[in-house]
Amino acid sequence: MKASIVILCLLCFALTPLAASHGRSVQGVTFVGRIQAGDATLTLHNAALLRYLKVIKAYVAALYLPKGVPPQRVLTDVPKRLELSYLVSIKGDDFGKGAEPVLRRNLAAEELARLRSRIDRINAAYQDVKPGDRYALTYLPGRGTELALNGTPLITIEGADFAAAYFGIWLGRRPIDDKLKNDLLGSV
């Protein structure tokens, strides 16, 4: 009996770090605490809900960064991942339409023109989503930004400049939603 209690206590202590690294749930959507992207280990920084027009629960987003990278450096040339789990259906063509005004708000006309062909390529890769589907944008320095749907890579777009601009849709100076940005970049 005494040995069983000791083993149970040891098992509880052994599982404690595992429980802490499990991740987080928002609106019933769970994100793992850590992912491997190429050679980079990315840790869940935060997850948050986006409400469209402050009423419609559109998606839950999770931001992953390497350990030790402060969230203020998210748009620099560091590995990162933004995972979006959808709560509503969205047509593939609507992703580019939604991104365009935010890109225009955050980028100078010359920069937008320089990135145009790459923006058009990623917009063309988007597919329709239904509730429960997940898009992931993963940037790795030297490789580019990969867009994946439900774990299946669709396209990789080269350039740290592209990554900064595109992640800026959610995390830039004038993002798609200030509350979402603040929640993702804020402390856990």
Foldseek 3Di string as FASTA:
>chain_A
DVVVVVVVVVVVVVCVVVVVQQADDDPNDGDGQWDDDPPAIWGWFFKAFDADVVHRGFWIKIKTFGPPDALVCVLPQGKIKIKIATQAKDALLVVLVLQVVLLPVFDDPVLCVVCVVVSVVVSVQGGIDGGGKMWMWIQHPPFATWIAINPHTRDGGDDSSVSSSRVCCQQNPRHPDPVSNCRNNDGD
